Every structure is written in structure tokens, then in C-alpha cells.
C-alpha atoms as a PDB file:
ATOM      1  CA  MET A   1     103.272 -70.859 180.594  1.00  0.00           C
ATOM      2  CA  ILE A   2     106.734 -71.396 179.222  1.00  0.00           C
ATOM      3  CA  ALA A   3     109.255 -68.543 179.243  1.00  0.00           C
ATOM      4  CA  ASP A   4     112.553 -68.347 177.420  1.00  0.00           C
ATOM      5  CA  VAL A   5     115.060 -66.262 179.383  1.00  0.00           C
ATOM      6  CA  TYR A   6     117.447 -63.819 177.704  1.00  0.00           C
ATOM      7  CA  ARG A   7     120.436 -61.970 179.129  1.00  0.00           C
ATOM      8  CA  LEU A   8     120.400 -58.341 177.955  1.00  0.00           C
ATOM      9  CA  SER A   9     123.112 -55.701 177.765  1.00  0.00           C
ATOM     10  CA  VAL A  10     123.312 -53.132 180.534  1.00  0.00           C
ATOM     11  CA  GLY A  11     121.605 -50.050 179.162  1.00  0.00           C
ATOM     12  CA  SER A  12     119.066 -51.864 176.962  1.00  0.00           C
ATOM     13  CA  GLN A  13     116.107 -49.584 176.271  1.00  0.00           C
ATOM     14  CA  SER A  14     113.526 -51.896 174.710  1.00  0.00           C
ATOM     15  CA  LEU A  15     112.447 -55.413 173.811  1.00  0.00           C
ATOM     16  CA  SER A  16     114.205 -55.167 170.445  1.00  0.00           C
ATOM     17  CA  GLU A  17     117.491 -56.461 171.875  1.00  0.00           C
ATOM     18  CA  MET A  18     115.880 -59.860 172.511  1.00  0.00           C
ATOM     19  CA  ARG A  19     115.609 -60.404 168.742  1.00  0.00           C
ATOM     20  CA  ARG A  20     119.411 -60.272 168.505  1.00  0.00           C
ATOM     21  CA  ARG A  21     119.994 -62.756 171.325  1.00  0.00           C
ATOM     22  CA  LYS A  22     119.499 -66.451 171.966  1.00  0.00           C
ATOM     23  CA  PRO A  23     117.661 -67.706 175.051  1.00  0.00           C
ATOM     24  CA  ILE A  24     119.908 -68.953 177.851  1.00  0.00           C
ATOM     25  CA  ARG A  25     117.340 -71.110 179.657  1.00  0.00           C
ATOM     26  CA  ARG A  26     113.662 -71.930 179.884  1.00  0.00           C
ATOM     27  CA  VAL A  27     111.407 -71.642 182.939  1.00  0.00           C
ATOM     28  CA  CYS A  28     107.765 -72.499 183.641  1.00  0.00           C
ATOM     29  CA  MET A  29     105.371 -69.982 185.134  1.00  0.00           C
ATOM     30  CA  ALA A  30     101.877 -70.396 186.552  1.00  0.00           C
ATOM     31  CA  GLN A  31     100.575 -66.834 186.211  1.00  0.00           C
ATOM     32  CA  LEU A  32     101.672 -63.313 185.276  1.00  0.00           C
ATOM     33  CA  ASP A  33     100.997 -61.828 188.679  1.00  0.00           C
ATOM     34  CA  ILE A  34     104.228 -60.118 189.733  1.00  0.00           C
ATOM     35  CA  VAL A  35     102.915 -57.012 191.470  1.00  0.00           C
ATOM     36  CA  PRO A  36     105.127 -53.900 191.561  1.00  0.00           C
ATOM     37  CA  ARG A  37     107.996 -54.493 193.946  1.00  0.00           C
ATOM     38  CA  ASP A  38     111.587 -53.542 194.658  1.00  0.00           C
ATOM     39  CA  PHE A  39     113.686 -55.162 191.934  1.00  0.00           C
ATOM     40  CA  ARG A  40     116.007 -56.689 194.564  1.00  0.00           C
ATOM     41  CA  GLU A  41     113.139 -59.005 195.570  1.00  0.00           C
ATOM     42  CA  GLY A  42     113.653 -60.630 192.191  1.00  0.00           C
ATOM     43  CA  PHE A  43     111.428 -62.270 189.641  1.00  0.00           C
ATOM     44  CA  PRO A  44     110.081 -65.798 190.329  1.00  0.00           C
ATOM     45  CA  GLY A  45     112.272 -68.429 188.681  1.00  0.00           C
ATOM     46  CA  MET A  46     115.117 -66.014 187.946  1.00  0.00           C
ATOM     47  CA  GLY A  47     117.318 -66.681 190.988  1.00  0.00           C
ATOM     48  CA  SER A  48     119.810 -63.885 191.565  1.00  0.00           C
ATOM     49  CA  THR A  49     119.151 -62.251 188.174  1.00  0.00           C
ATOM     50  CA  VAL A  50     117.332 -59.016 189.021  1.00  0.00           C
ATOM     51  CA  GLU A  51     118.294 -56.633 186.190  1.00  0.00           C
ATOM     52  CA  TRP A  52     118.930 -56.678 182.438  1.00  0.00           C
ATOM     53  CA  PHE A  53     117.042 -59.793 181.419  1.00  0.00           C
ATOM     54  CA  GLY A  54     114.193 -60.563 179.062  1.00  0.00           C
ATOM     55  CA  LEU A  55     111.412 -63.152 178.961  1.00  0.00           C
ATOM     56  CA  ASP A  56     109.521 -64.497 175.958  1.00  0.00           C
ATOM     57  CA  ILE A  57     106.448 -66.115 177.537  1.00  0.00           C
ATOM     58  CA  ARG A  58     104.141 -68.342 175.488  1.00  0.00           C
ATOM     59  CA  PHE A  59     100.915 -70.021 176.534  1.00  0.00           C
ATOM     60  CA  SER A  60      97.425 -70.797 175.364  1.00  0.00           C
ATOM     61  CA  VAL A  61      94.180 -69.517 176.842  1.00  0.00           C
ATOM     62  CA  ASN A  62      90.904 -71.382 176.429  1.00  0.00           C
ATOM     63  CA  ILE A  63      88.519 -68.473 175.852  1.00  0.00           C
ATOM     64  CA  PRO A  64      85.195 -69.511 177.456  1.00  0.00           C
ATOM     65  CA  GLU A  65      82.862 -67.520 175.162  1.00  0.00           C
ATOM     66  CA  THR A  66      83.061 -65.372 172.058  1.00  0.00           C
ATOM     67  CA  ALA A  67      82.940 -61.808 173.350  1.00  0.00           C
ATOM     68  CA  THR A  68      84.833 -58.562 173.763  1.00  0.00           C
ATOM     69  CA  TYR A  69      87.366 -58.764 176.586  1.00  0.00           C
ATOM     70  CA  GLU A  70      89.383 -55.951 178.121  1.00  0.00           C
ATOM     71  CA  LEU A  71      93.013 -56.946 178.638  1.00  0.00           C
ATOM     72  CA  MET A  72      95.485 -55.037 180.814  1.00  0.00           C
ATOM     73  CA  LEU A  73      99.260 -55.483 180.795  1.00  0.00           C
ATOM     74  CA  LEU A  74     101.163 -53.759 183.600  1.00  0.00           C
ATOM     75  CA  ALA A  75     104.942 -53.760 183.363  1.00  0.00           C
ATOM     76  CA  ASP A  76     108.117 -52.279 184.819  1.00  0.00           C
ATOM     77  CA  ASP A  77     109.966 -52.083 182.427  1.00  0.00           C
ATOM     78  CA  GLY A  78     108.796 -52.994 178.913  1.00  0.00           C
ATOM     79  CA  ALA A  79     106.259 -55.589 177.749  1.00  0.00           C
ATOM     80  CA  MET A  80     104.158 -56.477 174.716  1.00  0.00           C
ATOM     81  CA  LEU A  81     101.155 -58.787 174.347  1.00  0.00           C
ATOM     82  CA  SER A  82     100.323 -60.695 171.167  1.00  0.00           C
ATOM     83  CA  ILE A  83      97.342 -62.979 170.602  1.00  0.00           C
ATOM     84  CA  ASP A  84      97.400 -65.383 167.669  1.00  0.00           C
ATOM     85  CA  ASP A  85     100.441 -63.486 166.296  1.00  0.00           C
ATOM     86  CA  GLU A  86      98.649 -60.106 166.382  1.00  0.00           C
ATOM     87  CA  ASN A  87     100.202 -57.404 168.587  1.00  0.00           C
ATOM     88  CA  VAL A  88      97.452 -56.094 170.849  1.00  0.00           C
ATOM     89  CA  ILE A  89      99.307 -54.189 173.606  1.00  0.00           C
ATOM     90  CA  ASP A  90     102.608 -52.304 173.311  1.00  0.00           C
ATOM     91  CA  ASN A  91     103.981 -51.236 176.700  1.00  0.00           C
ATOM     92  CA  ASP A  92     107.664 -51.207 175.681  1.00  0.00           C
ATOM     93  CA  GLY A  93     110.475 -49.013 177.002  1.00  0.00           C
ATOM     94  CA  ILE A  94     112.083 -48.169 180.329  1.00  0.00           C
ATOM     95  CA  HIS A  95     109.418 -46.944 182.754  1.00  0.00           C
ATOM     96  CA  ALA A  96     107.913 -47.289 186.214  1.00  0.00           C
ATOM     97  CA  PRO A  97     104.980 -49.711 186.627  1.00  0.00           C
ATOM     98  CA  THR A  98     102.615 -48.673 183.835  1.00  0.00           C
ATOM     99  CA  PRO A  99      99.299 -50.322 182.887  1.00  0.00           C
ATOM    100  CA  VAL A 100      98.157 -50.365 179.261  1.00  0.00           C
ATOM    101  CA  ALA A 101      94.715 -51.749 178.372  1.00  0.00           C
ATOM    102  CA  THR A 102      92.817 -52.637 175.220  1.00  0.00           C
ATOM    103  CA  LYS A 103      89.492 -54.167 174.257  1.00  0.00           C
ATOM    104  CA  ILE A 104      89.516 -57.054 171.805  1.00  0.00           C
ATOM    105  CA  LYS A 105      86.949 -59.502 170.495  1.00  0.00           C
ATOM    106  CA  LEU A 106      88.102 -63.064 171.138  1.00  0.00           C
ATOM    107  CA  GLU A 107      86.488 -66.139 169.644  1.00  0.00           C
ATOM    108  CA  LYS A 108      85.632 -69.060 171.916  1.00  0.00           C
ATOM    109  CA  GLY A 109      88.349 -71.728 172.037  1.00  0.00           C
ATOM    110  CA  LEU A 110      92.134 -71.890 172.297  1.00  0.00           C
ATOM    111  CA  ARG A 111      94.034 -68.678 171.589  1.00  0.00           C
ATOM    112  CA  ASN A 112      97.822 -68.422 171.514  1.00  0.00           C
ATOM    113  CA  PHE A 113      99.156 -65.723 173.821  1.00  0.00           C
ATOM    114  CA  ARG A 114     102.692 -64.347 173.864  1.00  0.00           C
ATOM    115  CA  VAL A 115     104.064 -61.812 176.329  1.00  0.00           C
ATOM    116  CA  ARG A 116     107.524 -60.387 175.766  1.00  0.00           C
ATOM    117  CA  TYR A 117     108.994 -58.618 178.792  1.00  0.00           C
ATOM    118  CA  PHE A 118     112.268 -57.028 179.738  1.00  0.00           C
ATOM    119  CA  GLN A 119     113.616 -55.854 183.063  1.00  0.00           C
ATOM    120  CA  GLY A 120     116.083 -53.006 182.808  1.00  0.00           C
ATOM    121  CA  PRO A 121     117.463 -51.146 185.820  1.00  0.00           C
ATOM    122  CA  GLY A 122     115.939 -50.923 189.277  1.00  0.00           C
ATOM    123  CA  PRO A 123     114.416 -49.663 191.407  1.00  0.00           C
ATOM    124  CA  GLY A 124     111.207 -51.473 190.391  1.00  0.00           C
ATOM    125  CA  LEU A 125     110.016 -54.684 188.775  1.00  0.00           C
ATOM    126  CA  ALA A 126     106.506 -55.803 187.748  1.00  0.00           C
ATOM    127  CA  LEU A 127     104.618 -57.915 185.215  1.00  0.00           C
ATOM    128  CA  MET A 128     100.868 -58.453 185.426  1.00  0.00           C
ATOM    129  CA  LEU A 129      98.344 -59.630 182.837  1.00  0.00           C
ATOM    130  CA  ALA A 130      94.681 -59.303 183.773  1.00  0.00           C
ATOM    131  CA  TRP A 131      91.325 -59.208 182.005  1.00  0.00           C
ATOM    132  CA  LYS A 132      87.761 -58.050 182.414  1.00  0.00           C
ATOM    133  CA  LYS A 133      85.390 -60.724 181.250  1.00  0.00           C
ATOM    134  CA  PRO A 134      82.122 -59.655 179.613  1.00  0.00           C
ATOM    135  CA  GLY A 135      79.933 -57.947 182.213  1.00  0.00           C
ATOM    136  CA  ALA A 136      82.738 -57.607 184.796  1.00  0.00           C
ATOM    137  CA  THR A 137      83.559 -54.264 186.382  1.00  0.00           C
ATOM    138  CA  ASP A 138      86.977 -55.191 187.783  1.00  0.00           C
ATOM    139  CA  TYR A 139      90.096 -56.791 186.378  1.00  0.00           C
ATOM    140  CA  GLY A 140      91.039 -60.285 187.473  1.00  0.00           C
ATOM    141  CA  TYR A 141      93.790 -62.691 186.578  1.00  0.00           C
ATOM    142  CA  ILE A 142      93.035 -65.174 183.823  1.00  0.00           C
ATOM    143  CA  PRO A 143      92.086 -68.348 185.743  1.00  0.00           C
ATOM    144  CA  ARG A 144      94.821 -70.975 185.754  1.00  0.00           C
ATOM    145  CA  SER A 145      92.238 -73.530 184.656  1.00  0.00           C
ATOM    146  CA  LEU A 146      92.034 -71.678 181.306  1.00  0.00           C
ATOM    147  CA  ILE A 147      95.817 -71.429 180.794  1.00  0.00           C
ATOM    148  CA  GLY A 148      97.731 -74.148 178.975  1.00  0.00           C
ATOM    149  CA  ARG A 149     101.002 -74.910 177.258  1.00  0.00           C
ATOM    150  CA  PRO A 150     101.838 -73.166 174.006  1.00  0.00           C
ATOM    151  CA  PRO A 151     101.160 -75.071 170.788  1.00  0.00           C
ATOM    152  CA  ALA A 152     103.751 -77.627 169.703  1.00  0.00           C
ATOM    153  CA  GLY A 153     106.440 -76.271 167.444  1.00  0.00           C
ATOM    154  CA  THR A 154     106.211 -72.656 168.635  1.00  0.00           C
ATOM    155  CA  LEU A 155     109.189 -72.699 170.997  1.00  0.00           C
ATOM    156  CA  PRO A 156     112.760 -72.146 169.763  1.00  0.00           C
ATOM    157  CA  GLN A 157     115.579 -74.489 170.763  1.00  0.00           C
ATOM    158  CA  VAL A 158     117.398 -73.348 173.907  1.00  0.00           C
ATOM    159  CA  GLN A 159     121.038 -73.936 174.769  1.00  0.00           C
ATOM    160  CA  THR A 160     121.357 -73.819 178.541  1.00  0.00           C
ATOM    161  CA  LYS A 161     124.933 -72.500 178.726  1.00  0.00           C
ATOM    162  CA  GLU A 162     125.263 -69.127 180.411  1.00  0.00           C
END
């Protein structure tokens, strides 16, 4: 997973501000498994930045079988999930940890995932992406063995000046 990091204005209310900004750096992530926590604990890879930032996270998922999957995106504050450029979950806005789920048929093979996330004010912080595979009763994280880099040419250029 590759995430472009954005600095947002104090008082930002949604992901829309990220469209007007340029990324300030790029970080790698292994999983979207940041359980609800006090925002002062921070976000992995973000150092001392704990408020007013955004992430544009891109990765591929090797879907093991064609089937209907249930996907759940939990965020504090806003987040959106797109698969193959189709918006499938909209969990945008300033709010406490809130899960939003959807069912979607996914074809076997590589699918391009994109999660856009923003962290506004404290007191909380969270970002989790989980799924229910066909026949499962509980959500689980997408196995790391199925997660890969985003396709070539899908990442914007990043200037690392802050």
C-alpha cells in the first residue's frame, strides 16, 4: 500500500480539500488496521502529525474467487473506498469512529483499490478496512498475501518539501 500524505487546513470538513492540495510526502503501509484510539497516539508513519492531514492510499488486491464480498470501512474522520475507479463506500465527513459496509461482486484477479482518508480534530482517530469472504460470518482484514502495489502510472508525482 502506498499513501500520499496531504496537509489540510484546520477546520476542514471533508475529503474534498485534498483535491485542491498537492501531496507533501509518500509513505508505505502494510494494512489498514488502525483501531479507534486517542488521536494523540498518532497514525503509523505520520510522526508528530496527529490532526488535519489526509491520505490517498492505493493498492491492488488479488481477489481469490469471483463472488460477492462484504466490505467494511471504519473511519474517524472521513474516508471513501473505490475499486477499479468505482466509488463503493462513502464515509466522508467529521465523525466519531463509524463503520459503513457494502456488498459487491468482485471478479477473480487483481483489483485496484483506493482509500481516501482525512483526520480532522481529535479526540479520536481510526481507519480500518475489512471484508467478509463468501461464506464467512465475521469480518477479517484482507490478508497481506493478497495485497500488492498499485498499478504503474497511477501515482502522482510528490514533492517532499513541507
